[in-house]
Amino acid sequence: MTALSLEPVRTWPDAVPPENRTLGWEVLEWTSRYLLQPDGPDAGQPWRFTDEQVRIVLRWFEIDSAGVFVRRQGTIRRLKGWGLPR
């Protein structure tokens, strides 16, 4: 097995929580409205997340039935350039 074929180690499920159990949609809406790409060929264009980054935001802002955040800490480790939109 080579490094290119390794699967990521996940401590959270790679799934999207139900729409009523995350504040992430509001975060994504806000960032797409107010943030711009700071550099590169798309500099000045609206900020865009990759599909995986969208799932991470939705999971990070997941709430339980009482409206309390499900997660209090987390770490994402990826290689440089991982977040570049394709």
Protein backbone atom coordinates (compact mmCIF):
# COMPACT_ATOMS: atom_id res chain seq x y z
CA MET A 1 0.00 0.00 0.00
CA THR A 2 1.38 3.43 -0.92
CA ALA A 3 0.77 6.73 0.85
CA LEU A 4 -1.51 7.78 -2.01
CA SER A 5 -3.88 4.89 -1.38
CA LEU A 6 -4.26 5.34 2.38
CA GLU A 7 -7.69 6.19 3.69
CA PRO A 8 -8.04 8.96 6.29
CA VAL A 9 -8.42 8.01 9.94
CA ARG A 10 -11.78 9.35 11.11
CA THR A 11 -12.90 9.82 14.69
CA TRP A 12 -16.24 11.29 13.58
CA PRO A 13 -18.57 9.73 11.03
CA ASP A 14 -18.26 11.17 7.52
CA ALA A 15 -21.98 11.91 7.36
CA VAL A 16 -24.18 14.99 7.38
CA PRO A 17 -26.39 15.49 10.45
CA PRO A 18 -30.11 16.11 9.93
CA GLU A 19 -30.85 19.69 8.86
CA ASN A 20 -32.54 20.50 12.20
CA ARG A 21 -29.49 19.25 14.14
CA THR A 22 -26.80 21.60 12.79
CA LEU A 23 -26.16 25.33 12.73
CA GLY A 24 -23.64 24.69 9.96
CA TRP A 25 -25.99 25.71 7.14
CA GLU A 26 -26.13 29.24 8.60
CA VAL A 27 -22.32 29.30 8.88
CA LEU A 28 -21.97 28.20 5.25
CA GLU A 29 -24.51 30.80 4.11
CA TRP A 30 -22.71 33.57 6.02
CA THR A 31 -19.28 32.64 4.66
CA SER A 32 -20.53 32.45 1.08
CA ARG A 33 -22.09 35.90 1.45
CA TYR A 34 -19.32 37.78 3.26
CA LEU A 35 -15.96 36.04 2.70
CA LEU A 36 -13.81 36.34 -0.41
CA GLN A 37 -11.00 34.14 -1.66
CA PRO A 38 -7.90 36.07 -0.51
CA ASP A 39 -5.39 34.94 -3.13
CA GLY A 40 -4.67 32.69 -6.08
CA PRO A 41 -6.46 32.54 -9.42
CA ASP A 42 -9.88 33.03 -7.76
CA ALA A 43 -8.81 36.00 -5.59
CA GLY A 44 -11.74 38.30 -4.91
CA GLN A 45 -14.35 35.66 -5.74
CA PRO A 46 -16.79 34.38 -3.08
CA TRP A 47 -15.25 31.83 -0.72
CA ARG A 48 -15.97 28.22 -1.71
CA PHE A 49 -15.63 25.12 0.44
CA THR A 50 -14.84 21.65 -0.92
CA ASP A 51 -17.55 19.01 -0.43
CA GLU A 52 -15.58 17.47 2.43
CA GLN A 53 -15.15 20.87 4.11
CA VAL A 54 -18.93 21.41 3.91
CA ARG A 55 -19.52 18.08 5.68
CA ILE A 56 -16.94 19.03 8.33
CA VAL A 57 -18.65 22.39 9.01
CA LEU A 58 -22.06 20.72 9.24
CA ARG A 59 -20.73 18.14 11.71
CA TRP A 60 -18.73 20.67 13.73
CA PHE A 61 -21.83 22.81 14.35
CA GLU A 62 -24.05 19.80 15.14
CA ILE A 63 -26.43 20.30 18.07
CA ASP A 64 -28.46 17.85 20.15
CA SER A 65 -32.20 17.98 20.87
CA ALA A 66 -31.60 20.57 23.61
CA GLY A 67 -29.64 22.85 21.27
CA VAL A 68 -26.26 22.06 22.88
CA PHE A 69 -23.22 21.54 20.68
CA VAL A 70 -22.42 17.84 20.31
CA ARG A 71 -18.66 18.42 19.93
CA ARG A 72 -16.40 20.56 22.06
CA GLN A 73 -13.06 19.84 20.40
CA GLY A 74 -11.66 18.46 17.19
CA THR A 75 -8.61 18.28 14.97
CA ILE A 76 -8.32 18.07 11.20
CA ARG A 77 -4.98 17.05 9.73
CA ARG A 78 -4.45 17.10 6.00
CA LEU A 79 -1.61 17.71 3.58
CA LYS A 80 -0.91 21.22 2.31
CA GLY A 81 -3.28 22.06 -0.53
CA TRP A 82 -6.01 19.68 0.67
CA GLY A 83 -8.65 22.42 0.75
CA LEU A 84 -8.20 23.63 -2.80
CA PRO A 85 -11.50 23.45 -4.71
CA ARG A 86 -11.33 21.18 -7.74
